[in-house]
Protein backbone atom coordinates (compact mmCIF):
# COMPACT_ATOMS: atom_id res chain seq x y z
CA MET A 1 148.58 160.01 150.49
CA LEU A 2 148.50 164.00 150.74
CA ARG A 3 152.40 164.02 151.91
CA ALA A 4 152.93 161.53 148.88
CA GLY A 5 150.82 163.70 146.73
CA ARG A 6 152.82 166.79 147.43
CA ALA A 7 156.31 165.17 147.16
CA THR A 8 155.56 164.13 143.47
CA GLY A 9 154.30 167.69 142.90
CA ASP A 10 150.71 165.65 141.80
CA LEU A 11 148.56 167.57 144.85
CA ARG A 12 148.27 170.80 145.67
CA ASP A 13 150.14 171.45 148.94
CA ASP A 14 147.14 173.76 150.42
CA VAL A 15 144.75 171.02 151.02
CA THR A 16 144.95 169.64 154.65
CA ALA A 17 143.47 165.84 155.64
CA GLU A 18 140.50 167.86 157.52
CA ASP A 19 139.89 169.41 153.95
CA VAL A 20 139.40 166.22 152.67
CA ALA A 21 137.60 164.70 155.53
CA ALA A 22 135.02 167.42 155.24
CA HIS A 23 134.59 167.08 151.71
CA LEU A 24 133.82 163.16 151.91
CA ILE A 25 131.66 163.65 154.72
CA GLY A 26 129.73 166.32 152.26
CA ILE A 27 129.61 164.05 149.84
CA PHE A 28 128.19 161.15 151.57
CA THR A 29 125.54 163.08 153.11
CA VAL A 30 124.15 164.44 150.17
CA ALA A 31 124.74 161.02 148.21
CA PRO A 32 124.39 158.21 150.79
CA LEU A 33 122.21 155.91 149.02
CA PRO A 34 123.48 153.16 146.39
CA GLU A 35 121.00 154.87 143.81
CA GLN A 36 122.86 157.94 144.12
CA ALA A 37 126.04 156.40 143.62
CA ALA A 38 126.32 158.51 140.04
CA ARG A 39 126.17 161.55 141.92
CA ALA A 40 128.58 160.40 144.58
CA ASP A 41 130.97 159.30 141.77
CA ARG A 42 130.73 162.56 140.21
CA LEU A 43 131.35 164.50 143.50
CA LEU A 44 133.97 162.27 144.15
CA GLY A 45 135.75 163.30 140.82
CA VAL A 46 135.20 167.02 141.18
CA LEU A 47 136.95 166.74 144.34
CA MET A 48 139.85 164.69 143.04
CA TRP A 49 140.46 167.01 140.26
CA GLY A 50 140.42 169.99 142.92
CA LEU A 51 143.50 168.29 144.47
CA ARG A 52 145.50 168.44 141.64
CA SER A 53 148.37 170.99 141.59
CA SER A 54 148.35 173.48 139.05
CA SER A 55 151.43 171.50 137.40
CA CYS A 56 149.06 168.51 136.60
CA LEU A 57 146.70 170.64 135.06
CA PRO A 58 145.94 170.94 131.31
CA GLY A 59 147.00 174.27 129.48
């Protein structure tokens, strides 16, 4: 996923698979329960936005 995203210029080239795994572990540690799904969704959105390369950001 990261390799393909970098190849198209959609994803940052300085993020490793280990970085993504650590983020996901953190997200599901702080929002593990079904009733916290909105929080998990919001945190996943922040993660995905942060993975975008600067060429994909507005402005």
